[in-house]
Amino acid sequence: MNTRNYEPPKWRIRELIDGLKPYRRIVERLEARGYPRLPQSSIAGWRMHNSIPNVWLPAFIDLGLESRVIVSIDDFREPESITLEPFPELADAG
């Protein structure tokens, strides 16, 4: 993999957080799972920036899957960030 051209996938953070709202309920659900108390303002900031810190991302994905805001990880990915590359053996066949 050429890391100079690597672009990380874009995720639909705002839609995920909007589907899990209200913020108070998100905090309660995370605490019920044993996570430390998270300020609601942090969640609001993550939504505004369309970004969740890596340490919290698995918990939010799990909440999204559990509440059926997302059905699979592919639902969580921005559509334009999905690029399909042809199989190498088919690329030469053209």
PDB file of N, CA and C in Angstrom:
ATOM      1  N   MET A   1       0.840  -1.176   0.000  1.00  0.00           N
ATOM      2  CA  MET A   1       0.000   0.000   0.000  1.00  0.00           C
ATOM      3  C   MET A   1       0.884   1.237   0.000  1.00  0.00           C
ATOM      4  N   ASN A   2       0.632   2.151  -0.896  1.00  0.00           N
ATOM      5  CA  ASN A   2       1.379   3.388  -0.970  1.00  0.00           C
ATOM      6  C   ASN A   2       0.792   4.363   0.042  1.00  0.00           C
ATOM      7  N   THR A   3       1.512   4.626   1.130  1.00  0.00           N
ATOM      8  CA  THR A   3       0.961   5.450   2.208  1.00  0.00           C
ATOM      9  C   THR A   3       0.898   6.923   1.834  1.00  0.00           C
ATOM     10  N   ARG A   4       1.636   7.362   0.837  1.00  0.00           N
ATOM     11  CA  ARG A   4       1.568   8.769   0.442  1.00  0.00           C
ATOM     12  C   ARG A   4       0.219   9.102  -0.189  1.00  0.00           C
ATOM     13  N   ASN A   5      -0.405   8.152  -0.834  1.00  0.00           N
ATOM     14  CA  ASN A   5      -1.690   8.388  -1.471  1.00  0.00           C
ATOM     15  C   ASN A   5      -2.851   7.883  -0.625  1.00  0.00           C
ATOM     16  N   TYR A   6      -2.559   7.383   0.549  1.00  0.00           N
ATOM     17  CA  TYR A   6      -3.610   6.835   1.401  1.00  0.00           C
ATOM     18  C   TYR A   6      -4.489   7.951   1.940  1.00  0.00           C
ATOM     19  N   GLU A   7      -5.778   7.779   1.810  1.00  0.00           N
ATOM     20  CA  GLU A   7      -6.737   8.707   2.396  1.00  0.00           C
ATOM     21  C   GLU A   7      -7.651   7.896   3.301  1.00  0.00           C
ATOM     22  N   PRO A   8      -7.674   8.220   4.596  1.00  0.00           N
ATOM     23  CA  PRO A   8      -8.503   7.428   5.498  1.00  0.00           C
ATOM     24  C   PRO A   8      -9.981   7.546   5.121  1.00  0.00           C
ATOM     25  N   PRO A   9     -10.765   6.527   5.439  1.00  0.00           N
ATOM     26  CA  PRO A   9     -12.190   6.592   5.108  1.00  0.00           C
ATOM     27  C   PRO A   9     -12.888   7.707   5.877  1.00  0.00           C
ATOM     28  N   LYS A  10     -13.939   8.223   5.284  1.00  0.00           N
ATOM     29  CA  LYS A  10     -14.738   9.246   5.940  1.00  0.00           C
ATOM     30  C   LYS A  10     -15.960   8.565   6.530  1.00  0.00           C
ATOM     31  N   TRP A  11     -16.302   8.991   7.731  1.00  0.00           N
ATOM     32  CA  TRP A  11     -17.392   8.344   8.453  1.00  0.00           C
ATOM     33  C   TRP A  11     -18.542   9.316   8.677  1.00  0.00           C
ATOM     34  N   ARG A  12     -19.732   8.790   8.832  1.00  0.00           N
ATOM     35  CA  ARG A  12     -20.945   9.577   9.013  1.00  0.00           C
ATOM     36  C   ARG A  12     -21.210   9.787  10.512  1.00  0.00           C
ATOM     37  N   ILE A  13     -20.315  10.526  11.149  1.00  0.00           N
ATOM     38  CA  ILE A  13     -20.376  10.747  12.592  1.00  0.00           C
ATOM     39  C   ILE A  13     -21.629  11.527  12.979  1.00  0.00           C
ATOM     40  N   ARG A  14     -21.904  12.618  12.266  1.00  0.00           N
ATOM     41  CA  ARG A  14     -23.070  13.445  12.612  1.00  0.00           C
ATOM     42  C   ARG A  14     -24.352  12.627  12.586  1.00  0.00           C
ATOM     43  N   GLU A  15     -24.528  11.838  11.538  1.00  0.00           N
ATOM     44  CA  GLU A  15     -25.739  11.030  11.421  1.00  0.00           C
ATOM     45  C   GLU A  15     -25.829  10.001  12.555  1.00  0.00           C
ATOM     46  N   LEU A  16     -24.690   9.420  12.909  1.00  0.00           N
ATOM     47  CA  LEU A  16     -24.678   8.455  14.006  1.00  0.00           C
ATOM     48  C   LEU A  16     -25.096   9.122  15.307  1.00  0.00           C
ATOM     49  N   ILE A  17     -24.468  10.247  15.637  1.00  0.00           N
ATOM     50  CA  ILE A  17     -24.783  10.945  16.888  1.00  0.00           C
ATOM     51  C   ILE A  17     -26.227  11.428  16.878  1.00  0.00           C
ATOM     52  N   ASP A  18     -26.691  11.953  15.742  1.00  0.00           N
ATOM     53  CA  ASP A  18     -28.089  12.410  15.659  1.00  0.00           C
ATOM     54  C   ASP A  18     -29.051  11.255  15.897  1.00  0.00           C
ATOM     55  N   GLY A  19     -28.707  10.082  15.428  1.00  0.00           N
ATOM     56  CA  GLY A  19     -29.559   8.918  15.628  1.00  0.00           C
ATOM     57  C   GLY A  19     -29.560   8.405  17.057  1.00  0.00           C
ATOM     58  N   LEU A  20     -28.510   8.723  17.801  1.00  0.00           N
ATOM     59  CA  LEU A  20     -28.399   8.266  19.192  1.00  0.00           C
ATOM     60  C   LEU A  20     -28.898   9.295  20.203  1.00  0.00           C
ATOM     61  N   LYS A  21     -29.190  10.508  19.765  1.00  0.00           N
ATOM     62  CA  LYS A  21     -29.605  11.590  20.668  1.00  0.00           C
ATOM     63  C   LYS A  21     -30.796  11.179  21.510  1.00  0.00           C
ATOM     64  N   PRO A  22     -31.012  11.849  22.611  1.00  0.00           N
ATOM     65  CA  PRO A  22     -30.354  13.045  23.136  1.00  0.00           C
ATOM     66  C   PRO A  22     -29.005  12.709  23.771  1.00  0.00           C
ATOM     67  N   TYR A  23     -28.163  13.724  23.892  1.00  0.00           N
ATOM     68  CA  TYR A  23     -26.819  13.519  24.437  1.00  0.00           C
ATOM     69  C   TYR A  23     -26.866  12.886  25.818  1.00  0.00           C
ATOM     70  N   ARG A  24     -27.826  13.319  26.640  1.00  0.00           N
ATOM     71  CA  ARG A  24     -27.958  12.767  27.992  1.00  0.00           C
ATOM     72  C   ARG A  24     -28.130  11.254  27.934  1.00  0.00           C
ATOM     73  N   ARG A  25     -28.919  10.787  26.990  1.00  0.00           N
ATOM     74  CA  ARG A  25     -29.169   9.347  26.853  1.00  0.00           C
ATOM     75  C   ARG A  25     -27.912   8.614  26.388  1.00  0.00           C
ATOM     76  N   ILE A  26     -27.139   9.237  25.514  1.00  0.00           N
ATOM     77  CA  ILE A  26     -25.877   8.624  25.071  1.00  0.00           C
ATOM     78  C   ILE A  26     -24.954   8.432  26.274  1.00  0.00           C
ATOM     79  N   VAL A  27     -24.830   9.484  27.101  1.00  0.00           N
ATOM     80  CA  VAL A  27     -23.971   9.408  28.288  1.00  0.00           C
ATOM     81  C   VAL A  27     -24.454   8.300  29.218  1.00  0.00           C
ATOM     82  N   GLU A  28     -25.777   8.223  29.443  1.00  0.00           N
ATOM     83  CA  GLU A  28     -26.327   7.185  30.323  1.00  0.00           C
ATOM     84  C   GLU A  28     -26.026   5.784  29.788  1.00  0.00           C
ATOM     85  N   ARG A  29     -26.187   5.589  28.507  1.00  0.00           N
ATOM     86  CA  ARG A  29     -25.946   4.270  27.924  1.00  0.00           C
ATOM     87  C   ARG A  29     -24.468   3.883  28.009  1.00  0.00           C
ATOM     88  N   LEU A  30     -23.579   4.854  27.808  1.00  0.00           N
ATOM     89  CA  LEU A  30     -22.146   4.565  27.927  1.00  0.00           C
ATOM     90  C   LEU A  30     -21.778   4.230  29.373  1.00  0.00           C
ATOM     91  N   GLU A  31     -22.309   4.990  30.325  1.00  0.00           N
ATOM     92  CA  GLU A  31     -22.028   4.720  31.738  1.00  0.00           C
ATOM     93  C   GLU A  31     -22.551   3.347  32.148  1.00  0.00           C
ATOM     94  N   ALA A  32     -23.706   2.960  31.630  1.00  0.00           N
ATOM     95  CA  ALA A  32     -24.269   1.642  31.948  1.00  0.00           C
ATOM     96  C   ALA A  32     -23.354   0.520  31.464  1.00  0.00           C
ATOM     97  N   ARG A  33     -22.528   0.803  30.466  1.00  0.00           N
ATOM     98  CA  ARG A  33     -21.575  -0.186  29.950  1.00  0.00           C
ATOM     99  C   ARG A  33     -20.229  -0.122  30.662  1.00  0.00           C
ATOM    100  N   GLY A  34     -20.101   0.782  31.632  1.00  0.00           N
ATOM    101  CA  GLY A  34     -18.872   0.868  32.404  1.00  0.00           C
ATOM    102  C   GLY A  34     -17.890   1.918  31.932  1.00  0.00           C
ATOM    103  N   TYR A  35     -18.267   2.726  30.966  1.00  0.00           N
ATOM    104  CA  TYR A  35     -17.382   3.794  30.500  1.00  0.00           C
ATOM    105  C   TYR A  35     -17.429   4.954  31.479  1.00  0.00           C
ATOM    106  N   PRO A  36     -16.344   5.746  31.548  1.00  0.00           N
ATOM    107  CA  PRO A  36     -16.349   6.914  32.438  1.00  0.00           C
ATOM    108  C   PRO A  36     -17.344   7.966  31.943  1.00  0.00           C
ATOM    109  N   ARG A  37     -17.785   8.815  32.878  1.00  0.00           N
ATOM    110  CA  ARG A  37     -18.749   9.861  32.522  1.00  0.00           C
ATOM    111  C   ARG A  37     -18.152  10.761  31.444  1.00  0.00           C
ATOM    112  N   LEU A  38     -18.930  11.010  30.443  1.00  0.00           N
ATOM    113  CA  LEU A  38     -18.509  11.807  29.297  1.00  0.00           C
ATOM    114  C   LEU A  38     -19.337  13.086  29.264  1.00  0.00           C
ATOM    115  N   PRO A  39     -18.701  14.256  29.210  1.00  0.00           N
ATOM    116  CA  PRO A  39     -19.485  15.493  29.152  1.00  0.00           C
ATOM    117  C   PRO A  39     -20.313  15.557  27.862  1.00  0.00           C
ATOM    118  N   GLN A  40     -21.558  15.995  28.004  1.00  0.00           N
ATOM    119  CA  GLN A  40     -22.414  16.128  26.830  1.00  0.00           C
ATOM    120  C   GLN A  40     -21.825  17.122  25.836  1.00  0.00           C
ATOM    121  N   SER A  41     -21.089  18.113  26.337  1.00  0.00           N
ATOM    122  CA  SER A  41     -20.466  19.101  25.454  1.00  0.00           C
ATOM    123  C   SER A  41     -19.411  18.454  24.553  1.00  0.00           C
ATOM    124  N   SER A  42     -18.777  17.385  25.027  1.00  0.00           N
ATOM    125  CA  SER A  42     -17.807  16.674  24.185  1.00  0.00           C
ATOM    126  C   SER A  42     -18.516  16.031  23.001  1.00  0.00           C
ATOM    127  N   ILE A  43     -19.641  15.393  23.270  1.00  0.00           N
ATOM    128  CA  ILE A  43     -20.399  14.750  22.200  1.00  0.00           C
ATOM    129  C   ILE A  43     -20.872  15.800  21.194  1.00  0.00           C
ATOM    130  N   ALA A  44     -21.342  16.943  21.703  1.00  0.00           N
ATOM    131  CA  ALA A  44     -21.790  18.030  20.820  1.00  0.00           C
ATOM    132  C   ALA A  44     -20.627  18.527  19.956  1.00  0.00           C
ATOM    133  N   GLY A  45     -19.447  18.632  20.534  1.00  0.00           N
ATOM    134  CA  GLY A  45     -18.270  19.054  19.776  1.00  0.00           C
ATOM    135  C   GLY A  45     -17.867  18.037  18.722  1.00  0.00           C
ATOM    136  N   TRP A  46     -17.933  16.757  19.076  1.00  0.00           N
ATOM    137  CA  TRP A  46     -17.602  15.713  18.106  1.00  0.00           C
ATOM    138  C   TRP A  46     -18.576  15.763  16.943  1.00  0.00           C
ATOM    139  N   ARG A  47     -19.860  15.984  17.252  1.00  0.00           N
ATOM    140  CA  ARG A  47     -20.858  16.080  16.197  1.00  0.00           C
ATOM    141  C   ARG A  47     -20.553  17.254  15.275  1.00  0.00           C
ATOM    142  N   MET A  48     -20.216  18.405  15.884  1.00  0.00           N
ATOM    143  CA  MET A  48     -19.923  19.608  15.104  1.00  0.00           C
ATOM    144  C   MET A  48     -18.728  19.389  14.170  1.00  0.00           C
ATOM    145  N   HIS A  49     -17.714  18.680  14.667  1.00  0.00           N
ATOM    146  CA  HIS A  49     -16.499  18.445  13.879  1.00  0.00           C
ATOM    147  C   HIS A  49     -16.562  17.169  13.044  1.00  0.00           C
ATOM    148  N   ASN A  50     -17.667  16.425  13.154  1.00  0.00           N
ATOM    149  CA  ASN A  50     -17.855  15.169  12.429  1.00  0.00           C
ATOM    150  C   ASN A  50     -16.696  14.204  12.705  1.00  0.00           C
ATOM    151  N   SER A  51     -16.326  14.108  13.983  1.00  0.00           N
ATOM    152  CA  SER A  51     -15.176  13.290  14.363  1.00  0.00           C
ATOM    153  C   SER A  51     -15.332  12.817  15.803  1.00  0.00           C
ATOM    154  N   ILE A  52     -15.056  11.539  16.027  1.00  0.00           N
ATOM    155  CA  ILE A  52     -15.057  10.963  17.372  1.00  0.00           C
ATOM    156  C   ILE A  52     -13.641  10.452  17.639  1.00  0.00           C
ATOM    157  N   PRO A  53     -13.063  10.752  18.824  1.00  0.00           N
ATOM    158  CA  PRO A  53     -11.730  10.227  19.131  1.00  0.00           C
ATOM    159  C   PRO A  53     -11.705   8.698  19.022  1.00  0.00           C
ATOM    160  N   ASN A  54     -10.590   8.188  18.574  1.00  0.00           N
ATOM    161  CA  ASN A  54     -10.444   6.743  18.330  1.00  0.00           C
ATOM    162  C   ASN A  54     -10.810   5.888  19.538  1.00  0.00           C
ATOM    163  N   VAL A  55     -10.512   6.355  20.740  1.00  0.00           N
ATOM    164  CA  VAL A  55     -10.808   5.535  21.927  1.00  0.00           C
ATOM    165  C   VAL A  55     -12.305   5.389  22.162  1.00  0.00           C
ATOM    166  N   TRP A  56     -13.112   6.327  21.685  1.00  0.00           N
ATOM    167  CA  TRP A  56     -14.558   6.276  21.871  1.00  0.00           C
ATOM    168  C   TRP A  56     -15.287   5.674  20.671  1.00  0.00           C
ATOM    169  N   LEU A  57     -14.637   5.594  19.538  1.00  0.00           N
ATOM    170  CA  LEU A  57     -15.302   5.154  18.321  1.00  0.00           C
ATOM    171  C   LEU A  57     -15.939   3.768  18.424  1.00  0.00           C
ATOM    172  N   PRO A  58     -15.244   2.746  18.950  1.00  0.00           N
ATOM    173  CA  PRO A  58     -15.895   1.430  19.061  1.00  0.00           C
ATOM    174  C   PRO A  58     -17.167   1.459  19.904  1.00  0.00           C
ATOM    175  N   ALA A  59     -17.180   2.243  20.986  1.00  0.00           N
ATOM    176  CA  ALA A  59     -18.365   2.329  21.833  1.00  0.00           C
ATOM    177  C   ALA A  59     -19.526   2.953  21.071  1.00  0.00           C
ATOM    178  N   PHE A  60     -19.262   3.990  20.295  1.00  0.00           N
ATOM    179  CA  PHE A  60     -20.319   4.647  19.536  1.00  0.00           C
ATOM    180  C   PHE A  60     -20.825   3.757  18.402  1.00  0.00           C
ATOM    181  N   ILE A  61     -19.921   3.042  17.757  1.00  0.00           N
ATOM    182  CA  ILE A  61     -20.354   2.112  16.706  1.00  0.00           C
ATOM    183  C   ILE A  61     -21.235   1.028  17.327  1.00  0.00           C
ATOM    184  N   ASP A  62     -20.827   0.519  18.478  1.00  0.00           N
ATOM    185  CA  ASP A  62     -21.613  -0.506  19.152  1.00  0.00           C
ATOM    186  C   ASP A  62     -23.000   0.016  19.531  1.00  0.00           C
ATOM    187  N   LEU A  63     -23.076   1.254  20.045  1.00  0.00           N
ATOM    188  CA  LEU A  63     -24.380   1.845  20.364  1.00  0.00           C
ATOM    189  C   LEU A  63     -25.231   1.990  19.106  1.00  0.00           C
ATOM    190  N   GLY A  64     -24.591   2.405  18.019  1.00  0.00           N
ATOM    191  CA  GLY A  64     -25.313   2.565  16.764  1.00  0.00           C
ATOM    192  C   GLY A  64     -25.853   1.249  16.229  1.00  0.00           C
ATOM    193  N   LEU A  65     -25.050   0.190  16.339  1.00  0.00           N
ATOM    194  CA  LEU A  65     -25.505  -1.127  15.898  1.00  0.00           C
ATOM    195  C   LEU A  65     -26.619  -1.651  16.794  1.00  0.00           C
ATOM    196  N   GLU A  66     -26.462  -1.482  18.094  1.00  0.00           N
ATOM    197  CA  GLU A  66     -27.454  -1.969  19.050  1.00  0.00           C
ATOM    198  C   GLU A  66     -28.807  -1.275  18.871  1.00  0.00           C
ATOM    199  N   SER A  67     -28.772   0.031  18.608  1.00  0.00           N
ATOM    200  CA  SER A  67     -30.021   0.786  18.475  1.00  0.00           C
ATOM    201  C   SER A  67     -30.517   0.826  17.025  1.00  0.00           C
ATOM    202  N   ARG A  68     -29.811   0.139  16.150  1.00  0.00           N
ATOM    203  CA  ARG A  68     -30.165   0.036  14.726  1.00  0.00           C
ATOM    204  C   ARG A  68     -30.127   1.376  13.987  1.00  0.00           C
ATOM    205  N   VAL A  69     -29.308   2.300  14.485  1.00  0.00           N
ATOM    206  CA  VAL A  69     -29.046   3.527  13.739  1.00  0.00           C
ATOM    207  C   VAL A  69     -28.226   3.160  12.506  1.00  0.00           C
ATOM    208  N   ILE A  70     -27.331   2.197  12.684  1.00  0.00           N
ATOM    209  CA  ILE A  70     -26.593   1.603  11.566  1.00  0.00           C
ATOM    210  C   ILE A  70     -26.776   0.092  11.654  1.00  0.00           C
ATOM    211  N   VAL A  71     -26.798  -0.552  10.513  1.00  0.00           N
ATOM    212  CA  VAL A  71     -26.975  -2.000  10.484  1.00  0.00           C
ATOM    213  C   VAL A  71     -25.634  -2.697  10.290  1.00  0.00           C
ATOM    214  N   SER A  72     -24.703  -2.011   9.626  1.00  0.00           N
ATOM    215  CA  SER A  72     -23.366  -2.557   9.419  1.00  0.00           C
ATOM    216  C   SER A  72     -22.374  -1.402   9.329  1.00  0.00           C
ATOM    217  N   ILE A  73     -21.115  -1.715   9.375  1.00  0.00           N
ATOM    218  CA  ILE A  73     -20.082  -0.683   9.276  1.00  0.00           C
ATOM    219  C   ILE A  73     -20.191   0.048   7.944  1.00  0.00           C
ATOM    220  N   ASP A  74     -20.577  -0.647   6.881  1.00  0.00           N
ATOM    221  CA  ASP A  74     -20.713   0.007   5.574  1.00  0.00           C
ATOM    222  C   ASP A  74     -21.754   1.119   5.602  1.00  0.00           C
ATOM    223  N   ASP A  75     -22.782   1.003   6.439  1.00  0.00           N
ATOM    224  CA  ASP A  75     -23.789   2.058   6.572  1.00  0.00           C
ATOM    225  C   ASP A  75     -23.181   3.317   7.186  1.00  0.00           C
ATOM    226  N   PHE A  76     -22.112   3.159   7.905  1.00  0.00           N
ATOM    227  CA  PHE A  76     -21.474   4.230   8.656  1.00  0.00           C
ATOM    228  C   PHE A  76     -20.460   4.994   7.801  1.00  0.00           C
ATOM    229  N   ARG A  77     -20.072   4.432   6.680  1.00  0.00           N
ATOM    230  CA  ARG A  77     -19.052   5.024   5.813  1.00  0.00           C
ATOM    231  C   ARG A  77     -19.691   6.005   4.838  1.00  0.00           C
ATOM    232  N   GLU A  78     -19.021   7.137   4.612  1.00  0.00           N
ATOM    233  CA  GLU A  78     -19.502   8.110   3.627  1.00  0.00           C
ATOM    234  C   GLU A  78     -19.476   7.458   2.244  1.00  0.00           C
ATOM    235  N   PRO A  79     -20.549   7.568   1.479  1.00  0.00           N
ATOM    236  CA  PRO A  79     -20.599   6.902   0.162  1.00  0.00           C
ATOM    237  C   PRO A  79     -19.449   7.282  -0.769  1.00  0.00           C
ATOM    238  N   GLU A  80     -19.033   8.547  -0.780  1.00  0.00           N
ATOM    239  CA  GLU A  80     -17.960   8.934  -1.704  1.00  0.00           C
ATOM    240  C   GLU A  80     -16.599   8.399  -1.286  1.00  0.00           C
ATOM    241  N   SER A  81     -16.470   7.886  -0.058  1.00  0.00           N
ATOM    242  CA  SER A  81     -15.177   7.354   0.371  1.00  0.00           C
ATOM    243  C   SER A  81     -15.016   5.881  -0.021  1.00  0.00           C
ATOM    244  N   ILE A  82     -16.063   5.293  -0.562  1.00  0.00           N
ATOM    245  CA  ILE A  82     -15.973   3.900  -0.999  1.00  0.00           C
ATOM    246  C   ILE A  82     -15.528   3.882  -2.455  1.00  0.00           C
ATOM    247  N   THR A  83     -14.349   3.377  -2.679  1.00  0.00           N
ATOM    248  CA  THR A  83     -13.862   3.269  -4.053  1.00  0.00           C
ATOM    249  C   THR A  83     -13.586   1.814  -4.343  1.00  0.00           C
ATOM    250  N   LEU A  84     -14.062   1.366  -5.449  1.00  0.00           N
ATOM    251  CA  LEU A  84     -13.854  -0.021  -5.830  1.00  0.00           C
ATOM    252  C   LEU A  84     -12.743  -0.094  -6.860  1.00  0.00           C
ATOM    253  N   GLU A  85     -11.760  -0.859  -6.558  1.00  0.00           N
ATOM    254  CA  GLU A  85     -10.646  -1.076  -7.481  1.00  0.00           C
ATOM    255  C   GLU A  85     -10.894  -2.370  -8.233  1.00  0.00           C
ATOM    256  N   PRO A  86     -10.621  -2.403  -9.535  1.00  0.00           N
ATOM    257  CA  PRO A  86     -10.810  -3.669 -10.258  1.00  0.00           C
ATOM    258  C   PRO A  86      -9.783  -4.688  -9.784  1.00  0.00           C
ATOM    259  N   PHE A  87     -10.139  -5.949  -9.889  1.00  0.00           N
ATOM    260  CA  PHE A  87      -9.185  -6.992  -9.574  1.00  0.00           C
ATOM    261  C   PHE A  87      -8.025  -6.878 -10.557  1.00  0.00           C
ATOM    262  N   PRO A  88      -6.784  -7.038 -10.085  1.00  0.00           N
ATOM    263  CA  PRO A  88      -5.622  -6.877 -10.975  1.00  0.00           C
ATOM    264  C   PRO A  88      -5.708  -7.727 -12.232  1.00  0.00           C
ATOM    265  N   GLU A  89      -6.218  -8.947 -12.102  1.00  0.00           N
ATOM    266  CA  GLU A  89      -6.255  -9.808 -13.275  1.00  0.00           C
ATOM    267  C   GLU A  89      -7.288  -9.336 -14.287  1.00  0.00           C
ATOM    268  N   LEU A  90      -8.297  -8.591 -13.848  1.00  0.00           N
ATOM    269  CA  LEU A  90      -9.313  -8.072 -14.774  1.00  0.00           C
ATOM    270  C   LEU A  90      -8.884  -6.759 -15.393  1.00  0.00           C
ATOM    271  N   ALA A  91      -8.024  -6.013 -14.697  1.00  0.00           N
ATOM    272  CA  ALA A  91      -7.568  -4.717 -15.210  1.00  0.00           C
ATOM    273  C   ALA A  91      -6.755  -4.902 -16.480  1.00  0.00           C
ATOM    274  N   ASP A  92      -6.014  -5.991 -16.589  1.00  0.00           N
ATOM    275  CA  ASP A  92      -5.188  -6.241 -17.780  1.00  0.00           C
ATOM    276  C   ASP A  92      -6.001  -6.824 -18.935  1.00  0.00           C
ATOM    277  N   ALA A  93      -7.199  -7.318 -18.650  1.00  0.00           N
ATOM    278  CA  ALA A  93      -7.993  -7.981 -19.686  1.00  0.00           C
ATOM    279  C   ALA A  93      -8.604  -7.009 -20.678  1.00  0.00           C
ATOM    280  N   GLY A  94      -8.670  -5.698 -20.317  1.00  0.00           N
ATOM    281  CA  GLY A  94      -9.338  -4.713 -21.160  1.00  0.00           C
ATOM    282  C   GLY A  94      -8.570  -4.375 -22.347  1.00  0.00           C
TER     283      GLY A  94
END
